[in-house]
Amino acid sequence: MDIFYYIITGALVGFTVGVTGVGGGSLMTPILLGFGFPIHTAVGTDLLYAGLTKTGGMIAHNKLKNVDWRIMALLTAGSLPAAALALAVLSSFESQQQYGLVLNAALGGMLIVTSGVILFRNKLRQLPVLHLPAHILLPVFGLVLGTSVALSSVGAGAVTAALLMVLYPSLRITRIIGTDIAHAVPLTLLAGAGHWYLGNVDFVLLAGLLIGSLPAITLGARFSDHLPEKFIQPFLGVLLLTLGVKLVLS
């Protein structure tokens, strides 16, 4: 029966990602922890799940012309090297228990940051640093994002989407979602491959999640034009804040 729950979970999270561009790592990893998986397995499996699932979402959004490849390339210039470096640091730990503590702290911290970005996105537009040229700001942001994703599996969706909303307020929400998903594909695949090498992937769990998510994210992408953002974003922000505080305190 476990595989049935994995399929349902993959479908629900996949649909959410397809519609909003948000909720992959920030929802899936806490759910997997709730199923009883250790932190390193939850993070590693979620990263590969996200990479493979969002590939389907990227293809669907690209067909709808919802991907800005220039923005995606600027983010990737910073995020991929940072993720590779973070994985190299993790590989230097002697045991899964040691870096499990690092992953737990990183996950809790990123959930809190993500919730703040979602809830206070409009106020962030007033920060002077966000008025730097995009070709400077996006790679620098990618460095932070790549590190956080490799350590926690969180940030490739919600934080990136919120930043793009701040930097490009005139950009269609569907184009922001598509670009966000496209950037997450190489980042999460690289980070997921690194965790696979470290032995942090449960392939039975991964298979169940993918069976549910691959059709669901494509369906979600088609519904993205009817995004009820004013309802989803505040709810997601409060949920992630609660989960993040719980993980940090634990």
Protein backbone atom coordinates (compact mmCIF):
# COMPACT_ATOMS: atom_id res chain seq x y z
CA MET A 1 0.00 0.00 0.00
CA ASP A 2 2.94 2.35 0.50
CA ILE A 3 3.44 2.71 -3.25
CA PHE A 4 -0.18 3.91 -3.58
CA TYR A 5 0.46 6.75 -1.13
CA TYR A 6 3.66 7.66 -2.97
CA ILE A 7 1.78 7.87 -6.28
CA ILE A 8 -0.95 10.08 -4.79
CA THR A 9 1.65 12.31 -3.14
CA GLY A 10 3.60 12.65 -6.39
CA ALA A 11 0.43 13.58 -8.26
CA LEU A 12 -0.66 16.24 -5.76
CA VAL A 13 2.76 17.89 -5.54
CA GLY A 14 3.33 17.57 -9.28
CA PHE A 15 0.05 19.31 -10.06
CA THR A 16 0.88 22.10 -7.60
CA VAL A 17 4.28 22.64 -9.24
CA GLY A 18 2.74 22.68 -12.70
CA VAL A 19 0.15 25.29 -11.76
CA THR A 20 2.24 27.57 -9.56
CA GLY A 21 5.92 26.75 -10.17
CA VAL A 22 6.09 26.43 -6.38
CA GLY A 23 6.02 23.61 -3.90
CA GLY A 24 8.44 20.95 -5.18
CA GLY A 25 11.13 20.68 -2.50
CA SER A 26 9.37 22.98 -0.06
CA LEU A 27 6.39 20.60 0.14
CA MET A 28 7.75 17.21 -0.91
CA THR A 29 10.70 16.97 1.49
CA PRO A 30 8.60 17.75 4.61
CA ILE A 31 5.99 15.24 3.40
CA LEU A 32 8.65 12.55 3.02
CA LEU A 33 9.92 13.33 6.51
CA GLY A 34 6.35 12.85 7.70
CA PHE A 35 6.33 9.41 6.05
CA GLY A 36 9.30 8.54 8.29
CA PHE A 37 12.18 8.75 5.80
CA PRO A 38 15.51 10.03 7.19
CA ILE A 39 16.49 13.57 6.18
CA HIS A 40 19.23 12.53 3.73
CA THR A 41 16.90 10.11 1.91
CA ALA A 42 14.08 12.69 1.79
CA VAL A 43 16.35 15.38 0.34
CA GLY A 44 18.15 13.12 -2.16
CA THR A 45 15.03 11.38 -3.46
CA ASP A 46 13.13 14.65 -3.69
CA LEU A 47 15.87 16.25 -5.77
CA LEU A 48 15.82 13.50 -8.40
CA TYR A 49 12.01 13.49 -8.29
CA ALA A 50 11.99 17.26 -8.85
CA GLY A 51 14.44 17.12 -11.73
CA LEU A 52 12.60 14.39 -13.61
CA THR A 53 9.14 15.81 -12.86
CA LYS A 54 10.04 19.37 -13.82
CA THR A 55 11.50 18.13 -17.10
CA GLY A 56 7.93 17.27 -18.06
CA GLY A 57 6.77 20.66 -16.82
CA MET A 58 9.51 22.46 -18.75
CA ILE A 59 8.53 20.71 -21.98
CA ALA A 60 4.87 21.60 -21.46
CA HIS A 61 5.60 25.26 -20.64
CA ASN A 62 8.08 25.59 -23.51
CA LYS A 63 5.40 24.43 -25.95
CA LEU A 64 3.21 27.20 -24.53
CA LYS A 65 6.13 29.67 -25.03
CA ASN A 66 6.29 30.30 -21.29
CA VAL A 67 10.10 30.04 -20.87
CA ASP A 68 12.52 32.99 -20.97
CA TRP A 69 15.75 31.16 -21.78
CA ARG A 70 17.97 34.23 -21.19
CA ILE A 71 16.82 34.57 -17.58
CA MET A 72 17.17 30.83 -17.11
CA ALA A 73 20.77 30.88 -18.42
CA LEU A 74 21.78 33.75 -16.10
CA LEU A 75 20.45 31.92 -13.05
CA THR A 76 22.10 28.66 -14.10
CA ALA A 77 25.49 30.37 -14.48
CA GLY A 78 25.58 30.77 -10.70
CA SER A 79 23.45 27.90 -9.42
CA LEU A 80 25.13 24.90 -11.04
CA PRO A 81 28.71 25.64 -9.84
CA ALA A 82 27.40 26.41 -6.35
CA ALA A 83 25.44 23.15 -6.19
CA ALA A 84 28.51 21.17 -7.30
CA LEU A 85 30.62 22.80 -4.58
CA ALA A 86 27.97 22.14 -1.89
CA LEU A 87 27.85 18.47 -2.89
CA ALA A 88 31.63 18.24 -2.69
CA VAL A 89 31.46 19.60 0.87
CA LEU A 90 28.76 17.07 1.80
CA SER A 91 30.88 14.22 0.44
CA SER A 92 33.64 15.17 2.88
CA PHE A 93 31.51 14.23 5.90
CA GLU A 94 32.31 10.83 7.34
CA SER A 95 28.74 9.63 7.93
CA GLN A 96 25.16 10.25 6.90
CA GLN A 97 24.35 11.16 10.50
CA GLN A 98 26.87 14.01 10.42
CA TYR A 99 25.62 15.67 7.29
CA GLY A 100 22.05 14.82 8.24
CA LEU A 101 22.34 17.54 10.88
CA VAL A 102 23.52 20.00 8.21
CA LEU A 103 20.67 19.02 5.89
CA ASN A 104 18.08 19.41 8.65
CA ALA A 105 19.28 22.91 9.56
CA ALA A 106 19.49 23.92 5.90
CA LEU A 107 15.99 22.60 5.18
CA GLY A 108 14.43 24.40 8.14
CA GLY A 109 16.20 27.64 7.34
CA MET A 110 15.22 27.57 3.67
CA LEU A 111 11.58 26.86 4.48
CA ILE A 112 11.52 29.95 6.68
CA VAL A 113 13.27 32.07 4.02
CA THR A 114 10.93 30.75 1.33
CA SER A 115 7.85 31.55 3.39
CA GLY A 116 9.14 35.09 3.97
CA VAL A 117 9.80 35.64 0.27
CA ILE A 118 6.30 34.44 -0.61
CA LEU A 119 4.51 36.45 2.08
CA PHE A 120 6.48 39.70 1.66
CA ARG A 121 7.23 39.61 -2.04
CA ASN A 122 5.79 43.07 -2.71
CA LYS A 123 7.87 44.70 0.05
CA LEU A 124 11.05 43.14 -1.36
CA ARG A 125 10.72 45.35 -4.43
CA GLN A 126 11.84 48.28 -2.26
CA LEU A 127 15.26 46.77 -1.49
CA PRO A 128 18.03 48.71 -3.34
CA VAL A 129 20.04 45.57 -4.07
CA LEU A 130 17.22 44.23 -6.24
CA HIS A 131 17.66 47.17 -8.60
CA LEU A 132 21.09 45.97 -9.76
CA PRO A 133 21.32 44.92 -13.43
CA ALA A 134 19.85 41.47 -14.02
CA HIS A 135 23.09 40.12 -15.59
CA ILE A 136 24.80 40.78 -12.25
CA LEU A 137 22.01 39.99 -9.81
CA LEU A 138 20.75 36.73 -11.32
CA PRO A 139 24.08 34.80 -11.32
CA VAL A 140 24.79 35.99 -7.76
CA PHE A 141 21.36 34.88 -6.67
CA GLY A 142 22.01 31.60 -8.47
CA LEU A 143 25.05 30.99 -6.25
CA VAL A 144 22.88 31.21 -3.13
CA LEU A 145 20.11 29.20 -4.71
CA GLY A 146 22.39 26.40 -5.91
CA THR A 147 23.85 25.97 -2.44
CA SER A 148 20.47 25.91 -0.72
CA VAL A 149 18.96 23.46 -3.20
CA ALA A 150 21.86 21.00 -2.91
CA LEU A 151 21.66 21.10 0.90
CA SER A 152 17.91 21.23 1.44
CA SER A 153 16.12 20.57 -1.92
CA VAL A 154 14.22 23.82 -1.25
CA GLY A 155 14.33 27.08 -3.18
CA ALA A 156 14.35 26.13 -6.86
CA GLY A 157 10.63 26.88 -7.12
CA ALA A 158 9.17 29.29 -4.61
CA VAL A 159 12.17 31.57 -4.00
CA THR A 160 13.06 31.81 -7.68
CA ALA A 161 9.47 32.53 -8.70
CA ALA A 162 9.14 35.26 -6.08
CA LEU A 163 12.44 36.87 -7.11
CA LEU A 164 11.40 36.92 -10.76
CA MET A 165 8.09 38.52 -9.79
CA VAL A 166 10.06 41.25 -8.00
CA LEU A 167 12.59 41.80 -10.80
CA TYR A 168 10.14 41.50 -13.70
CA PRO A 169 6.76 42.81 -12.48
CA SER A 170 5.52 43.21 -16.07
CA LEU A 171 6.33 39.61 -17.02
CA ARG A 172 3.30 37.33 -17.37
CA ILE A 173 2.86 35.01 -14.38
CA THR A 174 2.79 31.98 -16.71
CA ARG A 175 6.17 33.03 -18.19
CA ILE A 176 7.64 33.40 -14.70
CA ILE A 177 6.36 29.94 -13.79
CA GLY A 178 7.74 28.38 -16.98
CA THR A 179 11.16 30.03 -16.57
CA ASP A 180 11.28 29.03 -12.91
CA ILE A 181 10.57 25.39 -13.77
CA ALA A 182 13.09 25.37 -16.65
CA HIS A 183 15.87 26.66 -14.39
CA ALA A 184 15.06 24.06 -11.74
CA VAL A 185 15.56 21.14 -14.15
CA PRO A 186 19.39 21.15 -14.55
CA LEU A 187 19.89 22.33 -10.97
CA THR A 188 17.83 19.59 -9.31
CA LEU A 189 19.14 16.89 -11.68
CA LEU A 190 22.73 17.81 -10.82
CA ALA A 191 22.02 17.95 -7.09
CA GLY A 192 19.98 14.74 -7.27
CA ALA A 193 22.78 12.92 -9.10
CA GLY A 194 25.19 14.03 -6.38
CA HIS A 195 22.92 12.67 -3.64
CA TRP A 196 22.50 9.45 -5.64
CA TYR A 197 26.29 9.09 -5.55
CA LEU A 198 26.17 9.64 -1.78
CA GLY A 199 23.58 6.85 -1.41
CA ASN A 200 20.69 9.14 -0.50
CA VAL A 201 18.05 8.01 -3.04
CA ASP A 202 15.24 5.49 -2.41
CA PHE A 203 14.34 4.25 -5.90
CA VAL A 204 11.07 2.51 -4.92
CA LEU A 205 9.88 5.79 -3.42
CA LEU A 206 11.17 7.71 -6.45
CA ALA A 207 9.30 5.44 -8.88
CA GLY A 208 6.02 5.87 -7.03
CA LEU A 209 6.35 9.65 -6.90
CA LEU A 210 7.15 9.85 -10.63
CA ILE A 211 4.21 7.66 -11.66
CA GLY A 212 1.92 10.19 -10.03
CA SER A 213 3.74 13.41 -10.84
CA LEU A 214 4.65 13.20 -14.53
CA PRO A 215 1.08 13.32 -15.87
CA ALA A 216 -0.02 15.67 -13.07
CA ILE A 217 2.57 18.39 -13.73
CA THR A 218 1.66 18.48 -17.43
CA LEU A 219 -1.99 18.86 -16.49
CA GLY A 220 -1.07 21.56 -13.99
CA ALA A 221 0.87 23.51 -16.60
CA ARG A 222 -2.23 23.63 -18.78
CA PHE A 223 -4.24 25.04 -15.87
CA SER A 224 -1.61 27.66 -15.00
CA ASP A 225 -3.46 30.39 -16.91
CA HIS A 226 -6.22 30.13 -14.27
CA LEU A 227 -3.83 30.45 -11.34
CA PRO A 228 -5.64 31.48 -8.11
CA GLU A 229 -2.46 33.11 -6.83
CA LYS A 230 -4.11 35.35 -4.22
CA PHE A 231 -5.36 32.26 -2.39
CA ILE A 232 -2.50 29.81 -2.92
CA GLN A 233 0.52 32.00 -2.14
CA PRO A 234 -0.48 33.16 1.39
CA PHE A 235 -1.53 29.65 2.40
CA LEU A 236 1.72 28.17 1.10
CA GLY A 237 3.76 30.87 2.84
CA VAL A 238 2.22 30.22 6.26
CA LEU A 239 2.53 26.45 5.83
CA LEU A 240 6.23 26.66 4.95
CA LEU A 241 6.94 29.03 7.83
CA THR A 242 5.37 26.57 10.27
CA LEU A 243 7.30 23.61 8.89
CA GLY A 244 10.56 25.58 8.85
CA VAL A 245 10.30 26.72 12.47
CA LYS A 246 9.48 23.16 13.53
CA LEU A 247 12.57 21.76 11.78
CA VAL A 248 14.92 24.44 13.12
CA LEU A 249 13.70 23.92 16.68
CA SER A 250 14.11 20.16 16.36
